[in-house]
């Protein structure tokens, strides 16, 4: 059974793997951090939050200092869909933000019975233009 975990991630409980909900690409073991199986783009925070005042005149410009913060964008290596974004301290490893108790999740879904389908929310858009 495949269980949606986020807008773009799901877990295949039978295989115990993370998958991309857009292209069905297997990302990695559900026992590990899903981010390990994704591509990472380390963005300069000034690209996202440009200075409000002239950086040539002022030290503090209301824009994040890349020496203090970085923006990590995690994307599916197959279809390029951006799965997650996080603000991080430079040099710090990516956060392990979801640790799933697989036996408990399997037991929960087993109690619901075979006819119970997981609620998936709005359809994930597949096809041309998405994630590119």
N, C-alpha and C. Protein backbone atom coordinates (compact mmCIF):
# COMPACT_ATOMS: atom_id res chain seq x y z
N UNK A 1 0.84 -1.17 0.00
CA UNK A 1 0.00 0.00 0.00
C UNK A 1 0.89 1.24 0.00
N UNK A 2 0.47 2.24 -0.74
CA UNK A 2 1.23 3.49 -0.85
C UNK A 2 0.49 4.59 -0.11
N UNK A 3 1.19 5.23 0.82
CA UNK A 3 0.60 6.22 1.70
C UNK A 3 1.18 7.60 1.40
N UNK A 4 0.35 8.59 1.03
CA UNK A 4 0.85 9.95 0.83
C UNK A 4 1.33 10.53 2.17
N UNK A 5 2.51 11.12 2.16
CA UNK A 5 3.08 11.71 3.37
C UNK A 5 3.14 13.23 3.28
N UNK A 6 3.42 13.75 2.10
CA UNK A 6 3.41 15.19 1.84
C UNK A 6 2.80 15.38 0.45
N UNK A 7 2.76 16.61 0.01
CA UNK A 7 2.22 16.89 -1.31
C UNK A 7 2.95 16.11 -2.41
N UNK A 8 4.26 15.91 -2.26
CA UNK A 8 5.05 15.29 -3.31
C UNK A 8 5.74 14.00 -2.89
N UNK A 9 5.56 13.54 -1.66
CA UNK A 9 6.18 12.31 -1.17
C UNK A 9 5.15 11.31 -0.71
N UNK A 10 5.46 10.04 -0.94
CA UNK A 10 4.64 8.97 -0.36
C UNK A 10 5.58 7.84 0.06
N UNK A 11 5.02 6.94 0.87
CA UNK A 11 5.76 5.76 1.30
C UNK A 11 5.06 4.54 0.74
N UNK A 12 5.83 3.65 0.13
CA UNK A 12 5.34 2.34 -0.27
C UNK A 12 5.59 1.44 0.93
N UNK A 13 4.52 1.09 1.65
CA UNK A 13 4.67 0.30 2.88
C UNK A 13 5.17 -1.11 2.61
N UNK A 14 4.84 -1.68 1.46
CA UNK A 14 5.28 -3.04 1.15
C UNK A 14 6.79 -3.09 0.90
N UNK A 15 7.29 -2.10 0.20
CA UNK A 15 8.73 -2.07 -0.13
C UNK A 15 9.54 -1.23 0.85
N UNK A 16 8.84 -0.46 1.71
CA UNK A 16 9.46 0.43 2.69
C UNK A 16 10.39 1.43 2.02
N UNK A 17 9.83 2.11 1.02
CA UNK A 17 10.61 3.10 0.28
C UNK A 17 9.84 4.41 0.16
N UNK A 18 10.61 5.51 0.06
CA UNK A 18 10.04 6.82 -0.28
C UNK A 18 9.89 6.86 -1.79
N UNK A 19 8.82 7.52 -2.27
CA UNK A 19 8.59 7.67 -3.70
C UNK A 19 8.14 9.09 -4.00
N UNK A 20 8.44 9.55 -5.20
CA UNK A 20 7.93 10.82 -5.71
C UNK A 20 6.50 10.59 -6.16
N UNK A 21 5.57 11.41 -5.71
CA UNK A 21 4.17 11.26 -6.09
C UNK A 21 3.89 11.77 -7.50
N UNK A 22 4.81 12.51 -8.08
CA UNK A 22 4.60 13.05 -9.43
C UNK A 22 5.00 12.04 -10.49
N UNK A 23 6.17 11.40 -10.33
CA UNK A 23 6.68 10.51 -11.38
C UNK A 23 6.87 9.07 -10.93
N UNK A 24 6.56 8.75 -9.66
CA UNK A 24 6.69 7.39 -9.10
C UNK A 24 8.14 6.94 -8.93
N UNK A 25 9.09 7.85 -9.03
CA UNK A 25 10.50 7.51 -8.85
C UNK A 25 10.75 7.07 -7.41
N UNK A 26 11.48 5.97 -7.24
CA UNK A 26 11.87 5.51 -5.91
C UNK A 26 13.04 6.37 -5.43
N UNK A 27 12.83 7.04 -4.30
CA UNK A 27 13.82 7.97 -3.78
C UNK A 27 14.82 7.29 -2.86
N UNK A 28 14.37 6.37 -2.04
CA UNK A 28 15.27 5.66 -1.13
C UNK A 28 14.49 4.97 -0.03
N UNK A 29 15.22 4.40 0.90
CA UNK A 29 14.63 3.67 2.01
C UNK A 29 13.81 4.59 2.91
N UNK A 30 12.63 4.13 3.29
CA UNK A 30 11.79 4.89 4.21
C UNK A 30 12.34 4.86 5.63
N UNK A 31 13.38 4.08 5.85
CA UNK A 31 14.05 4.04 7.16
C UNK A 31 15.11 5.13 7.26
N UNK A 32 15.37 5.82 6.15
CA UNK A 32 16.39 6.88 6.10
C UNK A 32 15.74 8.22 5.77
N UNK A 33 16.54 9.25 5.82
CA UNK A 33 16.09 10.60 5.46
C UNK A 33 15.83 10.65 3.96
N UNK A 34 14.61 10.98 3.56
CA UNK A 34 14.27 11.02 2.13
C UNK A 34 15.15 12.01 1.37
N UNK A 35 15.66 13.02 2.05
CA UNK A 35 16.47 14.05 1.38
C UNK A 35 17.77 13.47 0.81
N UNK A 36 18.22 12.34 1.36
CA UNK A 36 19.45 11.71 0.87
C UNK A 36 19.31 11.23 -0.57
N UNK A 37 18.08 10.96 -1.02
CA UNK A 37 17.85 10.48 -2.38
C UNK A 37 17.43 11.56 -3.36
N UNK A 38 17.45 12.82 -2.93
CA UNK A 38 17.03 13.92 -3.79
C UNK A 38 18.22 14.76 -4.24
N UNK A 39 18.06 15.48 -5.32
CA UNK A 39 19.06 16.45 -5.75
C UNK A 39 18.93 17.69 -4.86
N UNK A 40 20.06 18.35 -4.59
CA UNK A 40 20.04 19.52 -3.73
C UNK A 40 20.62 20.72 -4.47
N UNK A 41 19.89 21.82 -4.43
CA UNK A 41 20.38 23.08 -4.97
C UNK A 41 20.60 24.01 -3.78
N UNK A 42 21.84 24.39 -3.54
CA UNK A 42 22.21 25.29 -2.43
C UNK A 42 22.09 26.72 -2.95
N UNK A 43 21.00 27.39 -2.59
CA UNK A 43 20.71 28.73 -3.12
C UNK A 43 21.32 29.82 -2.25
N UNK A 44 21.80 30.86 -2.90
CA UNK A 44 22.21 32.07 -2.20
C UNK A 44 20.93 32.74 -1.73
N UNK A 45 20.77 32.98 -0.42
CA UNK A 45 19.50 33.56 0.06
C UNK A 45 19.18 34.92 -0.53
N UNK A 46 20.21 35.63 -1.04
CA UNK A 46 19.96 36.94 -1.64
C UNK A 46 19.21 36.83 -2.96
N UNK A 47 19.23 35.63 -3.60
CA UNK A 47 18.45 35.42 -4.81
C UNK A 47 16.96 35.39 -4.50
N UNK A 48 16.62 34.88 -3.34
CA UNK A 48 15.22 34.76 -2.94
C UNK A 48 14.75 36.02 -2.22
N UNK A 49 15.63 36.57 -1.38
CA UNK A 49 15.32 37.76 -0.58
C UNK A 49 16.33 38.86 -0.93
N UNK A 50 16.13 39.56 -2.05
CA UNK A 50 17.11 40.57 -2.46
C UNK A 50 17.19 41.73 -1.46
N UNK A 51 18.33 42.41 -1.42
CA UNK A 51 18.46 43.56 -0.52
C UNK A 51 17.39 44.61 -0.77
N UNK A 52 16.90 45.19 0.30
CA UNK A 52 15.90 46.25 0.20
C UNK A 52 16.59 47.60 0.06
N UNK A 53 17.75 47.73 0.70
CA UNK A 53 18.52 48.98 0.59
C UNK A 53 19.88 48.66 -0.02
N UNK A 54 20.59 49.65 -0.49
CA UNK A 54 21.83 49.51 -1.24
C UNK A 54 22.92 48.80 -0.43
N UNK A 55 23.34 47.59 -0.87
CA UNK A 55 24.37 46.86 -0.13
C UNK A 55 25.77 47.50 -0.22
N UNK A 56 25.96 48.41 -1.19
CA UNK A 56 27.24 49.11 -1.28
C UNK A 56 27.35 50.21 -0.22
N UNK A 57 26.22 50.66 0.29
CA UNK A 57 26.21 51.73 1.30
C UNK A 57 25.98 51.21 2.71
N UNK A 58 25.25 50.09 2.82
CA UNK A 58 24.84 49.62 4.14
C UNK A 58 25.23 48.16 4.36
N UNK A 59 25.66 47.86 5.57
CA UNK A 59 26.03 46.49 5.91
C UNK A 59 24.79 45.61 6.04
N UNK A 60 23.77 46.12 6.69
CA UNK A 60 22.53 45.37 6.91
C UNK A 60 21.48 45.87 5.91
N UNK A 61 21.03 44.96 5.04
CA UNK A 61 20.18 45.36 3.92
C UNK A 61 18.80 44.70 3.94
N UNK A 62 18.47 44.03 5.04
CA UNK A 62 17.22 43.27 5.15
C UNK A 62 17.23 42.06 4.23
N UNK A 63 18.41 41.62 3.83
CA UNK A 63 18.58 40.41 3.03
C UNK A 63 19.45 39.45 3.84
N UNK A 64 19.11 38.15 3.86
CA UNK A 64 19.91 37.21 4.65
C UNK A 64 21.37 37.17 4.20
N UNK A 65 22.25 37.08 5.15
CA UNK A 65 23.69 36.99 4.90
C UNK A 65 24.04 35.54 4.59
N UNK A 66 24.59 35.25 3.39
CA UNK A 66 24.91 33.86 3.04
C UNK A 66 25.97 33.23 3.95
N UNK A 67 26.68 34.03 4.71
CA UNK A 67 27.63 33.47 5.68
C UNK A 67 26.88 32.88 6.88
N UNK A 68 25.61 33.26 7.06
CA UNK A 68 24.82 32.83 8.21
C UNK A 68 23.68 31.89 7.86
N UNK A 69 23.21 31.94 6.62
CA UNK A 69 22.06 31.12 6.24
C UNK A 69 22.18 30.68 4.78
N UNK A 70 21.66 29.51 4.50
CA UNK A 70 21.57 29.04 3.12
C UNK A 70 20.17 28.47 2.91
N UNK A 71 19.75 28.45 1.68
CA UNK A 71 18.46 27.89 1.33
C UNK A 71 18.72 26.64 0.49
N UNK A 72 18.24 25.51 0.97
CA UNK A 72 18.41 24.24 0.26
C UNK A 72 17.10 23.86 -0.41
N UNK A 73 17.16 23.60 -1.70
CA UNK A 73 16.00 23.14 -2.46
C UNK A 73 16.24 21.68 -2.83
N UNK A 74 15.32 20.81 -2.44
CA UNK A 74 15.44 19.38 -2.69
C UNK A 74 14.48 18.99 -3.80
N UNK A 75 15.03 18.36 -4.86
CA UNK A 75 14.23 18.03 -6.05
C UNK A 75 14.36 16.56 -6.41
N UNK A 76 13.28 16.03 -6.98
CA UNK A 76 13.29 14.65 -7.47
C UNK A 76 14.32 14.54 -8.59
N UNK A 77 15.22 13.55 -8.51
CA UNK A 77 16.24 13.41 -9.55
C UNK A 77 15.68 12.93 -10.89
N UNK A 78 14.45 12.44 -10.89
CA UNK A 78 13.86 11.95 -12.13
C UNK A 78 13.06 13.02 -12.86
N UNK A 79 12.14 13.69 -12.17
CA UNK A 79 11.26 14.65 -12.85
C UNK A 79 11.56 16.11 -12.51
N UNK A 80 12.40 16.35 -11.50
CA UNK A 80 12.78 17.72 -11.15
C UNK A 80 11.81 18.44 -10.25
N UNK A 81 10.74 17.78 -9.80
CA UNK A 81 9.78 18.43 -8.91
C UNK A 81 10.46 18.83 -7.61
N UNK A 82 10.26 20.07 -7.20
CA UNK A 82 10.80 20.52 -5.92
C UNK A 82 9.95 19.93 -4.80
N UNK A 83 10.55 19.05 -4.02
CA UNK A 83 9.87 18.29 -2.98
C UNK A 83 9.88 19.02 -1.65
N UNK A 84 10.97 19.72 -1.35
CA UNK A 84 11.13 20.36 -0.05
C UNK A 84 12.12 21.52 -0.18
N UNK A 85 11.99 22.48 0.72
CA UNK A 85 12.93 23.60 0.84
C UNK A 85 13.20 23.81 2.31
N UNK A 86 14.45 24.13 2.64
CA UNK A 86 14.74 24.44 4.05
C UNK A 86 15.80 25.52 4.15
N UNK A 87 15.65 26.31 5.19
CA UNK A 87 16.67 27.30 5.55
C UNK A 87 17.61 26.61 6.53
N UNK A 88 18.92 26.72 6.28
CA UNK A 88 19.88 26.00 7.11
C UNK A 88 21.10 26.86 7.40
N UNK A 89 21.81 26.46 8.43
CA UNK A 89 23.08 27.10 8.77
C UNK A 89 24.14 26.51 7.84
N UNK A 90 24.98 27.34 7.21
CA UNK A 90 26.03 26.79 6.33
C UNK A 90 26.88 25.76 7.07
N UNK A 91 27.12 24.65 6.41
CA UNK A 91 27.92 23.58 6.99
C UNK A 91 27.14 22.58 7.80
N UNK A 92 25.89 22.88 8.12
CA UNK A 92 25.05 21.96 8.88
C UNK A 92 24.40 20.98 7.91
N UNK A 93 24.33 19.69 8.26
CA UNK A 93 23.68 18.75 7.34
C UNK A 93 22.18 19.04 7.22
N UNK A 94 21.56 18.59 6.16
CA UNK A 94 20.11 18.78 6.01
C UNK A 94 19.35 18.18 7.20
N UNK A 95 18.25 18.82 7.55
CA UNK A 95 17.44 18.34 8.66
C UNK A 95 16.81 16.99 8.32
N UNK A 96 16.69 16.17 9.35
CA UNK A 96 15.95 14.91 9.21
C UNK A 96 14.58 15.21 9.80
N UNK A 97 13.68 15.70 8.96
CA UNK A 97 12.42 16.25 9.45
C UNK A 97 11.29 15.25 9.55
N UNK A 98 11.43 14.07 8.97
CA UNK A 98 10.39 13.05 9.08
C UNK A 98 11.02 11.70 9.36
N UNK A 99 10.75 11.16 10.53
CA UNK A 99 11.19 9.81 10.86
C UNK A 99 9.93 9.00 11.13
N UNK A 100 9.68 8.03 10.26
CA UNK A 100 8.42 7.30 10.28
C UNK A 100 8.58 5.99 11.04
N UNK A 101 7.62 5.70 11.90
CA UNK A 101 7.55 4.41 12.59
C UNK A 101 6.82 3.46 11.65
N UNK A 102 7.59 2.76 10.81
CA UNK A 102 6.99 1.91 9.78
C UNK A 102 6.10 0.80 10.34
N UNK A 103 6.53 0.07 11.39
CA UNK A 103 5.63 -0.96 11.93
C UNK A 103 4.29 -0.37 12.41
N UNK A 104 4.32 0.79 13.05
CA UNK A 104 3.09 1.41 13.53
C UNK A 104 2.22 1.87 12.37
N UNK A 105 2.83 2.42 11.33
CA UNK A 105 2.08 2.88 10.16
C UNK A 105 1.43 1.69 9.45
N UNK A 106 2.19 0.58 9.32
CA UNK A 106 1.64 -0.63 8.70
C UNK A 106 0.46 -1.15 9.52
N UNK A 107 0.59 -1.18 10.84
CA UNK A 107 -0.47 -1.68 11.72
C UNK A 107 -1.71 -0.78 11.60
N UNK A 108 -1.49 0.52 11.56
CA UNK A 108 -2.61 1.46 11.43
C UNK A 108 -3.40 1.20 10.16
N UNK A 109 -2.70 1.02 9.04
CA UNK A 109 -3.39 0.80 7.77
C UNK A 109 -3.96 -0.60 7.67
N UNK A 110 -3.36 -1.58 8.33
CA UNK A 110 -3.91 -2.94 8.35
C UNK A 110 -5.26 -2.96 9.06
N UNK A 111 -5.40 -2.18 10.13
CA UNK A 111 -6.66 -2.10 10.87
C UNK A 111 -7.78 -1.51 10.01
N UNK A 112 -7.44 -0.67 9.08
CA UNK A 112 -8.45 -0.02 8.23
C UNK A 112 -9.02 -0.97 7.20
N UNK A 113 -8.32 -2.06 6.94
CA UNK A 113 -8.80 -3.03 5.96
C UNK A 113 -8.34 -2.72 4.55
N UNK A 114 -8.43 -3.73 3.70
CA UNK A 114 -7.94 -3.62 2.33
C UNK A 114 -8.71 -2.64 1.48
N UNK A 115 -10.00 -2.42 1.79
CA UNK A 115 -10.80 -1.51 0.97
C UNK A 115 -10.55 -0.05 1.30
N UNK A 116 -9.90 0.23 2.43
CA UNK A 116 -9.65 1.62 2.83
C UNK A 116 -8.48 2.18 2.03
N UNK A 117 -8.78 3.16 1.22
CA UNK A 117 -7.73 3.83 0.45
C UNK A 117 -7.27 5.07 1.20
N UNK A 118 -5.98 5.34 1.18
CA UNK A 118 -5.51 6.56 1.84
C UNK A 118 -6.04 7.80 1.14
N UNK A 119 -6.44 8.78 1.92
CA UNK A 119 -6.87 10.06 1.36
C UNK A 119 -5.65 10.73 0.76
N UNK A 120 -5.73 11.10 -0.50
CA UNK A 120 -4.56 11.69 -1.15
C UNK A 120 -4.69 13.17 -1.39
N UNK A 121 -5.83 13.77 -1.04
CA UNK A 121 -5.99 15.19 -1.27
C UNK A 121 -6.17 15.48 -2.73
N UNK A 122 -5.92 16.71 -3.14
CA UNK A 122 -6.09 17.05 -4.56
C UNK A 122 -5.12 16.25 -5.42
N UNK A 123 -5.52 15.99 -6.63
CA UNK A 123 -4.69 15.23 -7.55
C UNK A 123 -3.37 15.95 -7.78
N UNK A 124 -2.30 15.17 -7.81
CA UNK A 124 -0.99 15.72 -8.14
C UNK A 124 -0.93 15.85 -9.65
N UNK A 125 -0.57 17.03 -10.12
CA UNK A 125 -0.53 17.30 -11.55
C UNK A 125 0.65 16.56 -12.16
N UNK A 126 0.37 15.80 -13.17
CA UNK A 126 1.42 15.09 -13.89
C UNK A 126 1.47 15.60 -15.32
N UNK A 127 2.63 15.55 -15.90
CA UNK A 127 2.71 15.89 -17.32
C UNK A 127 3.56 17.12 -17.58
N UNK A 128 3.43 17.59 -18.78
CA UNK A 128 4.26 18.68 -19.29
C UNK A 128 4.13 19.94 -18.45
N UNK A 129 5.26 20.51 -18.13
CA UNK A 129 5.28 21.78 -17.44
C UNK A 129 5.40 21.67 -15.94
N UNK A 130 5.01 20.57 -15.34
CA UNK A 130 5.06 20.46 -13.89
C UNK A 130 6.48 20.14 -13.44
N UNK A 131 6.97 20.93 -12.51
CA UNK A 131 8.29 20.67 -11.93
C UNK A 131 9.45 21.04 -12.82
N UNK A 132 9.20 21.73 -13.91
CA UNK A 132 10.31 22.08 -14.81
C UNK A 132 10.54 23.56 -14.82
